[in-house]
C-alpha atoms as a PDB file:
ATOM      1  CA  MET A   1     -19.890 -74.976  14.560  1.00  0.00           C
ATOM      2  CA  ARG A   2     -17.920 -73.945  17.630  1.00  0.00           C
ATOM      3  CA  ARG A   3     -14.602 -74.586  15.620  1.00  0.00           C
ATOM      4  CA  PHE A   4     -15.717 -72.191  12.709  1.00  0.00           C
ATOM      5  CA  GLY A   5     -16.448 -69.465  15.036  1.00  0.00           C
ATOM      6  CA  PHE A   6     -12.767 -69.917  16.728  1.00  0.00           C
ATOM      7  CA  LEU A   7     -11.125 -69.957  13.103  1.00  0.00           C
ATOM      8  CA  THR A   8     -13.296 -66.600  12.277  1.00  0.00           C
ATOM      9  CA  THR A   9     -12.435 -65.042  15.523  1.00  0.00           C
ATOM     10  CA  LEU A  10      -8.965 -65.892  14.825  1.00  0.00           C
ATOM     11  CA  ALA A  11      -8.600 -65.090  11.344  1.00  0.00           C
ATOM     12  CA  LEU A  12     -10.430 -61.662  11.937  1.00  0.00           C
ATOM     13  CA  MET A  13      -7.956 -60.819  15.181  1.00  0.00           C
ATOM     14  CA  LEU A  14      -4.999 -61.559  12.844  1.00  0.00           C
ATOM     15  CA  ALA A  15      -6.301 -59.405   9.916  1.00  0.00           C
ATOM     16  CA  VAL A  16      -7.009 -56.295  12.535  1.00  0.00           C
ATOM     17  CA  GLY A  17      -3.431 -56.923  13.838  1.00  0.00           C
ATOM     18  CA  ALA A  18      -1.739 -56.948  10.573  1.00  0.00           C
ATOM     19  CA  GLY A  19      -3.588 -53.764   9.697  1.00  0.00           C
ATOM     20  CA  ALA A  20      -2.379 -52.286  12.850  1.00  0.00           C
ATOM     21  CA  THR A  21       0.987 -52.804  12.263  1.00  0.00           C
ATOM     22  CA  ASP A  22       1.524 -50.453   8.748  1.00  0.00           C
ATOM     23  CA  PRO A  23      -0.298 -47.088   9.091  1.00  0.00           C
ATOM     24  CA  VAL A  24      -2.684 -46.010   6.561  1.00  0.00           C
ATOM     25  CA  ILE A  25      -1.581 -44.504   3.577  1.00  0.00           C
ATOM     26  CA  PRO A  26      -2.631 -41.595   2.092  1.00  0.00           C
ATOM     27  CA  ARG A  27      -3.125 -39.374   5.034  1.00  0.00           C
ATOM     28  CA  PRO A  28      -2.652 -36.051   5.989  1.00  0.00           C
ATOM     29  CA  ALA A  29       0.904 -35.427   7.238  1.00  0.00           C
ATOM     30  CA  GLY A  30       0.178 -32.902   9.990  1.00  0.00           C
ATOM     31  CA  GLU A  31       2.544 -30.685  11.722  1.00  0.00           C
ATOM     32  CA  PHE A  32       5.990 -32.050  13.061  1.00  0.00           C
ATOM     33  CA  ALA A  33       8.552 -29.800  14.759  1.00  0.00           C
ATOM     34  CA  ILE A  34      12.294 -30.478  14.288  1.00  0.00           C
ATOM     35  CA  PHE A  35      14.877 -29.162  16.647  1.00  0.00           C
ATOM     36  CA  MET A  36      18.003 -28.312  14.614  1.00  0.00           C
ATOM     37  CA  PRO A  37      21.434 -28.054  16.058  1.00  0.00           C
ATOM     38  CA  ASN A  38      21.772 -24.474  16.168  1.00  0.00           C
ATOM     39  CA  GLY A  39      18.972 -24.455  18.588  1.00  0.00           C
ATOM     40  CA  GLN A  40      16.067 -22.924  16.289  1.00  0.00           C
ATOM     41  CA  GLN A  41      12.899 -25.040  15.585  1.00  0.00           C
ATOM     42  CA  GLU A  42      11.740 -25.982  12.045  1.00  0.00           C
ATOM     43  CA  LEU A  43       8.165 -26.841  11.493  1.00  0.00           C
ATOM     44  CA  LEU A  44       7.106 -29.532   8.713  1.00  0.00           C
ATOM     45  CA  THR A  45       4.629 -27.062   7.384  1.00  0.00           C
ATOM     46  CA  LYS A  46       7.327 -24.646   6.302  1.00  0.00           C
ATOM     47  CA  TYR A  47       8.175 -26.768   3.548  1.00  0.00           C
ATOM     48  CA  ARG A  48       4.424 -27.159   2.180  1.00  0.00           C
ATOM     49  CA  GLY A  49       4.496 -27.016  -1.524  1.00  0.00           C
ATOM     50  CA  LYS A  50       7.331 -29.035  -2.079  1.00  0.00           C
ATOM     51  CA  PRO A  51       7.391 -32.949  -2.193  1.00  0.00           C
ATOM     52  CA  VAL A  52       9.483 -33.998   1.136  1.00  0.00           C
ATOM     53  CA  MET A  53      11.251 -36.862   2.074  1.00  0.00           C
ATOM     54  CA  MET A  54      11.467 -37.211   5.808  1.00  0.00           C
ATOM     55  CA  MET A  55      14.193 -39.771   7.424  1.00  0.00           C
ATOM     56  CA  PHE A  56      13.685 -40.599  10.696  1.00  0.00           C
ATOM     57  CA  ILE A  57      17.256 -42.111  11.765  1.00  0.00           C
ATOM     58  CA  PHE A  58      19.675 -42.860  14.622  1.00  0.00           C
ATOM     59  CA  THR A  59      22.869 -40.831  14.134  1.00  0.00           C
ATOM     60  CA  THR A  60      24.837 -44.247  15.058  1.00  0.00           C
ATOM     61  CA  CYS A  61      23.048 -46.322  12.625  1.00  0.00           C
ATOM     62  CA  PRO A  62      25.402 -47.564   9.717  1.00  0.00           C
ATOM     63  CA  HIS A  63      22.342 -47.602   7.123  1.00  0.00           C
ATOM     64  CA  CYS A  64      20.892 -44.453   8.289  1.00  0.00           C
ATOM     65  CA  GLN A  65      24.345 -43.076   7.658  1.00  0.00           C
ATOM     66  CA  SER A  66      24.277 -44.575   4.306  1.00  0.00           C
ATOM     67  CA  LEU A  67      20.944 -43.270   3.606  1.00  0.00           C
ATOM     68  CA  CYS A  68      21.878 -39.705   4.157  1.00  0.00           C
ATOM     69  CA  GLN A  69      24.826 -39.919   1.920  1.00  0.00           C
ATOM     70  CA  LEU A  70      22.647 -41.172  -0.875  1.00  0.00           C
ATOM     71  CA  VAL A  71      19.968 -38.651  -0.152  1.00  0.00           C
ATOM     72  CA  THR A  72      22.590 -36.086  -0.405  1.00  0.00           C
ATOM     73  CA  LYS A  73      23.548 -37.166  -4.016  1.00  0.00           C
ATOM     74  CA  LEU A  74      19.720 -37.380  -4.806  1.00  0.00           C
ATOM     75  CA  ASN A  75      19.257 -33.798  -3.555  1.00  0.00           C
ATOM     76  CA  SER A  76      21.853 -32.789  -5.690  1.00  0.00           C
ATOM     77  CA  GLU A  77      19.956 -33.620  -8.432  1.00  0.00           C
ATOM     78  CA  TYR A  78      16.455 -33.498  -7.778  1.00  0.00           C
ATOM     79  CA  GLY A  79      16.982 -30.282  -5.295  1.00  0.00           C
ATOM     80  CA  PRO A  80      16.828 -27.628  -8.026  1.00  0.00           C
ATOM     81  CA  ARG A  81      13.480 -29.280  -8.957  1.00  0.00           C
ATOM     82  CA  GLY A  82      11.978 -28.416  -5.474  1.00  0.00           C
ATOM     83  CA  PHE A  83      12.497 -31.957  -3.648  1.00  0.00           C
ATOM     84  CA  GLN A  84      13.422 -31.418   0.090  1.00  0.00           C
ATOM     85  CA  PRO A  85      14.706 -34.154   2.349  1.00  0.00           C
ATOM     86  CA  LEU A  86      14.979 -33.770   6.024  1.00  0.00           C
ATOM     87  CA  ALA A  87      16.694 -36.010   8.640  1.00  0.00           C
ATOM     88  CA  VAL A  88      15.139 -36.412  12.204  1.00  0.00           C
ATOM     89  CA  ALA A  89      17.627 -38.104  14.637  1.00  0.00           C
ATOM     90  CA  PHE A  90      15.472 -39.787  17.730  1.00  0.00           C
ATOM     91  CA  ASN A  91      18.266 -42.081  19.582  1.00  0.00           C
ATOM     92  CA  ASP A  92      18.933 -40.043  22.497  1.00  0.00           C
ATOM     93  CA  ALA A  93      19.962 -37.149  19.953  1.00  0.00           C
ATOM     94  CA  ASN A  94      20.603 -33.656  20.901  1.00  0.00           C
ATOM     95  CA  ALA A  95      22.078 -30.639  19.502  1.00  0.00           C
ATOM     96  CA  ALA A  96      25.878 -32.178  20.110  1.00  0.00           C
ATOM     97  CA  THR A  97      25.135 -35.772  18.566  1.00  0.00           C
ATOM     98  CA  VAL A  98      23.203 -34.309  15.558  1.00  0.00           C
ATOM     99  CA  GLY A  99      26.036 -31.541  15.067  1.00  0.00           C
ATOM    100  CA  ASP A 100      28.684 -34.408  14.864  1.00  0.00           C
ATOM    101  CA  PHE A 101      26.526 -36.584  12.720  1.00  0.00           C
ATOM    102  CA  VAL A 102      26.099 -33.023  10.292  1.00  0.00           C
ATOM    103  CA  ARG A 103      30.043 -32.699  10.440  1.00  0.00           C
ATOM    104  CA  ALA A 104      30.968 -36.019   9.791  1.00  0.00           C
ATOM    105  CA  TYR A 105      28.418 -36.930   6.925  1.00  0.00           C
ATOM    106  CA  ARG A 106      27.951 -33.138   5.396  1.00  0.00           C
ATOM    107  CA  PRO A 107      24.401 -33.642   4.108  1.00  0.00           C
ATOM    108  CA  ASN A 108      23.123 -30.870   2.148  1.00  0.00           C
ATOM    109  CA  PHE A 109      19.677 -30.910   3.617  1.00  0.00           C
ATOM    110  CA  PRO A 110      18.439 -30.035   7.213  1.00  0.00           C
ATOM    111  CA  VAL A 111      19.383 -32.560  10.142  1.00  0.00           C
ATOM    112  CA  GLY A 112      17.608 -32.149  13.493  1.00  0.00           C
ATOM    113  CA  PHE A 113      16.307 -34.062  16.175  1.00  0.00           C
ATOM    114  CA  ALA A 114      12.882 -34.963  18.152  1.00  0.00           C
ATOM    115  CA  PRO A 115      11.921 -37.156  20.986  1.00  0.00           C
ATOM    116  CA  ARG A 116      11.191 -40.457  20.274  1.00  0.00           C
ATOM    117  CA  GLU A 117       7.260 -40.257  21.473  1.00  0.00           C
ATOM    118  CA  SER A 118       6.829 -37.561  18.879  1.00  0.00           C
ATOM    119  CA  VAL A 119       8.162 -39.623  15.914  1.00  0.00           C
ATOM    120  CA  LEU A 120       6.487 -42.782  16.910  1.00  0.00           C
ATOM    121  CA  ASP A 121       3.013 -40.463  17.004  1.00  0.00           C
ATOM    122  CA  TYR A 122       3.872 -39.111  13.714  1.00  0.00           C
ATOM    123  CA  LEU A 123       4.665 -42.534  12.048  1.00  0.00           C
ATOM    124  CA  LYS A 124       1.385 -43.922  13.846  1.00  0.00           C
ATOM    125  CA  TYR A 125       3.235 -46.492  15.591  1.00  0.00           C
ATOM    126  CA  THR A 126       3.180 -47.428  19.412  1.00  0.00           C
ATOM    127  CA  ASN A 127       5.950 -47.713  22.104  1.00  0.00           C
ATOM    128  CA  THR A 128       5.335 -51.444  22.074  1.00  0.00           C
ATOM    129  CA  GLN A 129       6.208 -52.092  18.242  1.00  0.00           C
ATOM    130  CA  ARG A 130       9.804 -52.885  17.173  1.00  0.00           C
ATOM    131  CA  LEU A 131      10.502 -50.230  14.824  1.00  0.00           C
ATOM    132  CA  THR A 132      13.526 -50.552  12.319  1.00  0.00           C
ATOM    133  CA  VAL A 133      15.596 -47.442  11.230  1.00  0.00           C
ATOM    134  CA  PRO A 134      15.751 -45.440   8.799  1.00  0.00           C
ATOM    135  CA  GLN A 135      12.162 -44.772   8.568  1.00  0.00           C
ATOM    136  CA  ILE A 136      11.302 -42.701   5.597  1.00  0.00           C
ATOM    137  CA  VAL A 137       7.888 -40.852   4.677  1.00  0.00           C
ATOM    138  CA  PHE A 138       7.300 -39.261   1.381  1.00  0.00           C
ATOM    139  CA  ILE A 139       5.142 -36.310   1.706  1.00  0.00           C
ATOM    140  CA  ASP A 140       3.184 -34.646  -1.102  1.00  0.00           C
ATOM    141  CA  LYS A 141       2.948 -30.675  -2.233  1.00  0.00           C
ATOM    142  CA  LYS A 142      -0.203 -30.612  -0.906  1.00  0.00           C
ATOM    143  CA  GLY A 143       0.623 -32.096   2.654  1.00  0.00           C
ATOM    144  CA  SER A 144      -0.169 -35.684   2.357  1.00  0.00           C
ATOM    145  CA  ILE A 145       1.854 -38.566   3.300  1.00  0.00           C
ATOM    146  CA  ARG A 146       1.721 -40.917   0.226  1.00  0.00           C
ATOM    147  CA  ALA A 147       4.480 -43.348   1.117  1.00  0.00           C
ATOM    148  CA  GLN A 148       5.818 -44.878   4.131  1.00  0.00           C
ATOM    149  CA  THR A 149       8.657 -47.316   5.077  1.00  0.00           C
ATOM    150  CA  GLN A 150       6.968 -50.601   6.752  1.00  0.00           C
ATOM    151  CA  ILE A 151       7.949 -50.838  10.377  1.00  0.00           C
ATOM    152  CA  ASP A 152       9.873 -53.694   9.402  1.00  0.00           C
ATOM    153  CA  ASN A 153      11.753 -52.163   6.155  1.00  0.00           C
ATOM    154  CA  SER A 154      10.652 -55.119   4.333  1.00  0.00           C
ATOM    155  CA  ASP A 155       9.571 -52.685   1.552  1.00  0.00           C
ATOM    156  CA  ARG A 156      12.894 -51.666   0.990  1.00  0.00           C
ATOM    157  CA  LEU A 157      11.776 -48.080   0.334  1.00  0.00           C
ATOM    158  CA  GLY A 158      15.128 -46.729   0.960  1.00  0.00           C
ATOM    159  CA  GLU A 159      17.186 -48.347  -1.996  1.00  0.00           C
ATOM    160  CA  GLU A 160      17.778 -46.119  -5.017  1.00  0.00           C
ATOM    161  CA  PRO A 161      15.751 -46.986  -7.510  1.00  0.00           C
ATOM    162  CA  LYS A 162      12.568 -47.035  -4.974  1.00  0.00           C
ATOM    163  CA  LEU A 163      13.674 -43.412  -3.829  1.00  0.00           C
ATOM    164  CA  ARG A 164      14.208 -42.308  -7.309  1.00  0.00           C
ATOM    165  CA  LYS A 165      10.741 -43.609  -8.535  1.00  0.00           C
ATOM    166  CA  GLU A 166       8.864 -41.995  -5.312  1.00  0.00           C
ATOM    167  CA  ILE A 167      10.942 -38.501  -5.557  1.00  0.00           C
ATOM    168  CA  GLU A 168      10.038 -38.335  -9.290  1.00  0.00           C
ATOM    169  CA  ALA A 169       6.439 -39.223  -8.936  1.00  0.00           C
ATOM    170  CA  LEU A 170       6.075 -36.699  -6.427  1.00  0.00           C
ATOM    171  CA  LEU A 171       7.953 -33.788  -8.636  1.00  0.00           C
ATOM    172  CA  ALA A 172       5.512 -35.080 -11.506  1.00  0.00           C
ATOM    173  CA  GLU A 173       2.452 -33.879  -9.563  1.00  0.00           C
ATOM    174  CA  GLY A 174       0.656 -30.805  -9.468  1.00  0.00           C
ATOM    175  CA  GLY A 175       0.093 -29.018  -6.344  1.00  0.00           C
ATOM    176  CA  ALA A 176       1.178 -25.445  -4.727  1.00  0.00           C
ATOM    177  CA  PRO A 177       3.860 -23.723  -6.458  1.00  0.00           C
ATOM    178  CA  VAL A 178       7.673 -24.460  -5.511  1.00  0.00           C
ATOM    179  CA  SER A 179       9.915 -21.659  -4.344  1.00  0.00           C
ATOM    180  CA  ASP A 180      13.009 -21.543  -5.444  1.00  0.00           C
ATOM    181  CA  LYS A 181      14.582 -21.199  -2.193  1.00  0.00           C
ATOM    182  CA  ARG A 182      16.282 -24.455  -1.107  1.00  0.00           C
ATOM    183  CA  VAL A 183      17.084 -25.190   2.462  1.00  0.00           C
ATOM    184  CA  VAL A 184      20.238 -26.692   3.461  1.00  0.00           C
ATOM    185  CA  ALA A 185      21.862 -27.841   6.726  1.00  0.00           C
ATOM    186  CA  VAL A 186      23.918 -25.016   8.798  1.00  0.00           C
ATOM    187  CA  VAL A 187      26.343 -26.455  11.471  1.00  0.00           C
ATOM    188  CA  THR A 188      27.622 -23.813  13.748  1.00  0.00           C
END
């Protein structure tokens, strides 16, 4: 009987631990502040009514750099239909490092930076969890997070077919009307 209790307790601890690793989806997106290289601050709620793909990146990460180049291509295709990508650097990023990144990779969408603590809080991860980058969050037109990369990227959400599937699904949904104005990155 004792052994059964131990095994039950162990199984419960593992289940709770596994559930704590990946955040609950869907959930409200909430507000998020992005600091732009030009000194301005962008708020995520500015994009309410559009399907948003928010990428949390390191400016020095080759995978993040490749993802931004892929998303530039996807934004050229899906942007006219209302899709809005955003990138947020959080690796000791500041206006200079993000500005250099934008000049080097020329994304056609806003790229800014935010403190690591803000990013981890938004993604619902703790400071002690090992996080791989890039991390991706898809937000629907009504402001709900509908998909998020698993902490270790094992879901491969950043691959082109999966990105297209998520984007197309969010564009097909109803919600607030999408404005004709598109926001693109501007580096000064």
